[in-house]
Amino acid sequence: MSDVMPAAAVLDREFLEIRAKLLELAASFDRFGRGDGSVANDDRYGLIQEGLRILQQKEEGRAERVQLLFSQPYEANWRKEYEL
């Protein structure tokens, strides 16, 4: 079993990277707002909004829930469908 790093040490290590990712997201949302039209009814935008809601939850497993949100359900016959 691996040692668990203190939360403060994780924050020290990852703060700048998280900050950069948040800035990148903010810039993307600003570009949506400046663009012609709206993406409010686009299913992909809805997935992004749901992903943000998942990130705000306190429960562990956020990464898994976001991954599953953007994943297709498993299809047992996928090889046949793609002729593999």
Protein backbone atom coordinates (compact mmCIF):
# COMPACT_ATOMS: atom_id res chain seq x y z
CA MET A 1 0.00 0.00 0.00
CA SER A 2 1.36 3.41 -0.91
CA ASP A 3 1.75 6.26 1.52
CA VAL A 4 -0.89 8.94 1.31
CA MET A 5 0.46 12.42 0.70
CA PRO A 6 -0.93 15.17 2.95
CA ALA A 7 -3.58 17.27 1.23
CA ALA A 8 -1.51 20.45 1.75
CA ALA A 9 1.44 18.83 -0.04
CA VAL A 10 -0.81 17.84 -2.95
CA LEU A 11 -2.03 21.43 -3.16
CA ASP A 12 1.55 22.72 -3.08
CA ARG A 13 2.51 20.35 -5.86
CA GLU A 14 -0.51 20.83 -8.13
CA PHE A 15 -1.70 24.40 -7.52
CA LEU A 16 -0.07 26.00 -10.56
CA GLU A 17 -1.21 23.26 -12.93
CA ILE A 18 -4.79 23.41 -11.64
CA ARG A 19 -4.72 27.20 -11.91
CA ALA A 20 -3.57 26.96 -15.53
CA LYS A 21 -6.34 24.49 -16.37
CA LEU A 22 -8.96 26.72 -14.77
CA LEU A 23 -7.71 29.70 -16.78
CA GLU A 24 -7.87 27.61 -19.94
CA LEU A 25 -11.46 26.62 -19.17
CA ALA A 26 -12.40 30.22 -18.40
CA ALA A 27 -10.95 31.33 -21.74
CA SER A 28 -12.94 28.65 -23.57
CA PHE A 29 -16.18 29.76 -21.91
CA ASP A 30 -15.36 33.37 -22.80
CA ARG A 31 -14.92 32.30 -26.44
CA PHE A 32 -18.32 30.55 -26.35
CA GLY A 33 -19.84 33.79 -25.08
CA ARG A 34 -18.21 35.93 -27.78
CA GLY A 35 -19.14 33.56 -30.60
CA ASP A 36 -22.15 33.98 -32.83
CA GLY A 37 -25.14 31.95 -31.73
CA SER A 38 -25.42 29.73 -28.70
CA VAL A 39 -24.16 26.33 -27.60
CA ALA A 40 -26.68 26.07 -24.76
CA ASN A 41 -28.68 23.36 -26.56
CA ASP A 42 -25.64 21.37 -27.73
CA ASP A 43 -25.37 18.00 -25.97
CA ARG A 44 -21.59 18.41 -25.70
CA TYR A 45 -22.02 21.67 -23.82
CA GLY A 46 -24.43 19.91 -21.51
CA LEU A 47 -21.79 17.24 -20.84
CA ILE A 48 -19.28 19.96 -19.99
CA GLN A 49 -21.75 21.57 -17.59
CA GLU A 50 -22.44 18.20 -15.94
CA GLY A 51 -18.69 17.59 -15.65
CA LEU A 52 -18.32 20.90 -13.83
CA ARG A 53 -21.12 19.91 -11.44
CA ILE A 54 -19.34 16.63 -10.71
CA LEU A 55 -16.12 18.51 -9.93
CA GLN A 56 -17.95 20.57 -7.32
CA GLN A 57 -19.14 17.50 -5.40
CA LYS A 58 -17.40 16.59 -2.16
CA GLU A 59 -17.49 12.80 -2.64
CA GLU A 60 -14.39 10.98 -3.87
CA GLY A 61 -14.39 9.37 -7.29
CA ARG A 62 -14.90 12.56 -9.27
CA ALA A 63 -12.35 11.53 -11.92
CA GLU A 64 -14.15 8.23 -12.49
CA ARG A 65 -17.55 9.92 -12.73
CA VAL A 66 -16.26 12.50 -15.25
CA GLN A 67 -14.60 9.73 -17.29
CA LEU A 68 -17.84 7.75 -17.36
CA LEU A 69 -19.80 10.87 -18.28
CA PHE A 70 -17.74 11.25 -21.47
CA SER A 71 -17.55 7.51 -22.24
CA GLN A 72 -19.78 5.45 -24.45
CA PRO A 73 -21.54 2.53 -22.80
CA TYR A 74 -19.89 -0.85 -23.32
CA GLU A 75 -21.29 -2.83 -26.22
CA ALA A 76 -20.64 -6.57 -26.07
CA ASN A 77 -20.77 -6.86 -29.88
CA TRP A 78 -18.43 -3.97 -30.63
CA ARG A 79 -16.01 -6.16 -32.65
CA LYS A 80 -18.82 -7.28 -34.94
CA GLU A 81 -20.06 -3.72 -35.38
CA TYR A 82 -16.58 -2.56 -36.47
CA GLU A 83 -15.84 -5.81 -38.34
CA LEU A 84 -12.74 -6.64 -36.26
